[in-house]
Amino acid sequence: MPLQSSGGAGERWWFLNGEPLTERGRNVTLHLTDKGDYQLLVMDDVGQIATVKFVMQ
């Protein structure tokens, strides 16, 4: 699943269910194989965050 962040400043760090993803930047690809509840968070260089919760069925 392709992901893109807009706004913010500098580098981006992505976290899925509290665990950091290996990819960084404004555009990343999320590879999910398991059904269930997820929380995705992105943080920029100045500590701004955005988060979304979703269910993979």
Protein backbone atom coordinates (compact mmCIF):
# COMPACT_ATOMS: atom_id res chain seq x y z
CA MET A 1 0.00 0.00 0.00
CA PRO A 2 1.64 3.30 -1.03
CA LEU A 3 1.74 6.01 1.64
CA GLN A 4 2.44 9.70 1.26
CA SER A 5 2.73 12.52 3.80
CA SER A 6 2.26 16.19 2.99
CA GLY A 7 3.18 19.29 4.95
CA GLY A 8 5.62 19.06 7.81
CA ALA A 9 9.35 19.68 7.73
CA GLY A 10 12.39 17.62 6.76
CA GLU A 11 12.75 13.86 7.12
CA ARG A 12 9.83 11.54 7.97
CA TRP A 13 9.83 8.51 10.25
CA TRP A 14 7.02 5.98 10.02
CA PHE A 15 5.78 3.65 12.77
CA LEU A 16 3.32 0.77 12.54
CA ASN A 17 1.81 -0.33 15.86
CA GLY A 18 4.65 1.44 17.65
CA GLU A 19 7.44 -0.22 15.66
CA PRO A 20 9.60 1.86 13.28
CA LEU A 21 9.44 1.03 9.59
CA THR A 22 12.75 0.63 7.75
CA GLU A 23 11.68 3.06 5.00
CA ARG A 24 11.83 6.81 5.61
CA GLY A 25 10.72 9.85 3.68
CA ARG A 26 7.53 11.44 2.36
CA ASN A 27 6.62 8.39 0.26
CA VAL A 28 6.86 4.82 1.52
CA THR A 29 5.22 1.50 0.72
CA LEU A 30 3.52 -0.51 3.45
CA HIS A 31 3.41 -4.29 2.98
CA LEU A 32 0.75 -5.96 5.13
CA THR A 33 -0.06 -9.66 5.10
CA ASP A 34 -1.95 -10.11 8.38
CA LYS A 35 -5.54 -9.14 9.09
CA GLY A 36 -6.21 -7.04 12.16
CA ASP A 37 -6.13 -3.62 13.77
CA TYR A 38 -3.28 -1.26 12.95
CA GLN A 39 -2.09 2.19 13.96
CA LEU A 40 0.14 4.10 11.57
CA LEU A 41 2.08 7.16 12.72
CA VAL A 42 4.38 9.51 10.83
CA MET A 43 6.70 12.02 12.53
CA ASP A 44 8.76 14.80 10.96
CA ASP A 45 12.04 16.50 11.93
CA VAL A 46 10.39 18.97 14.30
CA GLY A 47 8.28 16.34 16.10
CA GLN A 48 4.94 16.95 14.37
CA ILE A 49 2.95 13.74 14.13
CA ALA A 50 -0.05 12.42 12.25
CA THR A 51 -1.70 9.12 13.06
CA VAL A 52 -4.43 6.91 11.67
CA LYS A 53 -6.03 3.69 12.90
CA PHE A 54 -7.39 1.14 10.44
CA VAL A 55 -8.49 -2.49 10.16
CA MET A 56 -7.10 -4.87 7.54
CA GLN A 57 -9.74 -7.45 6.61
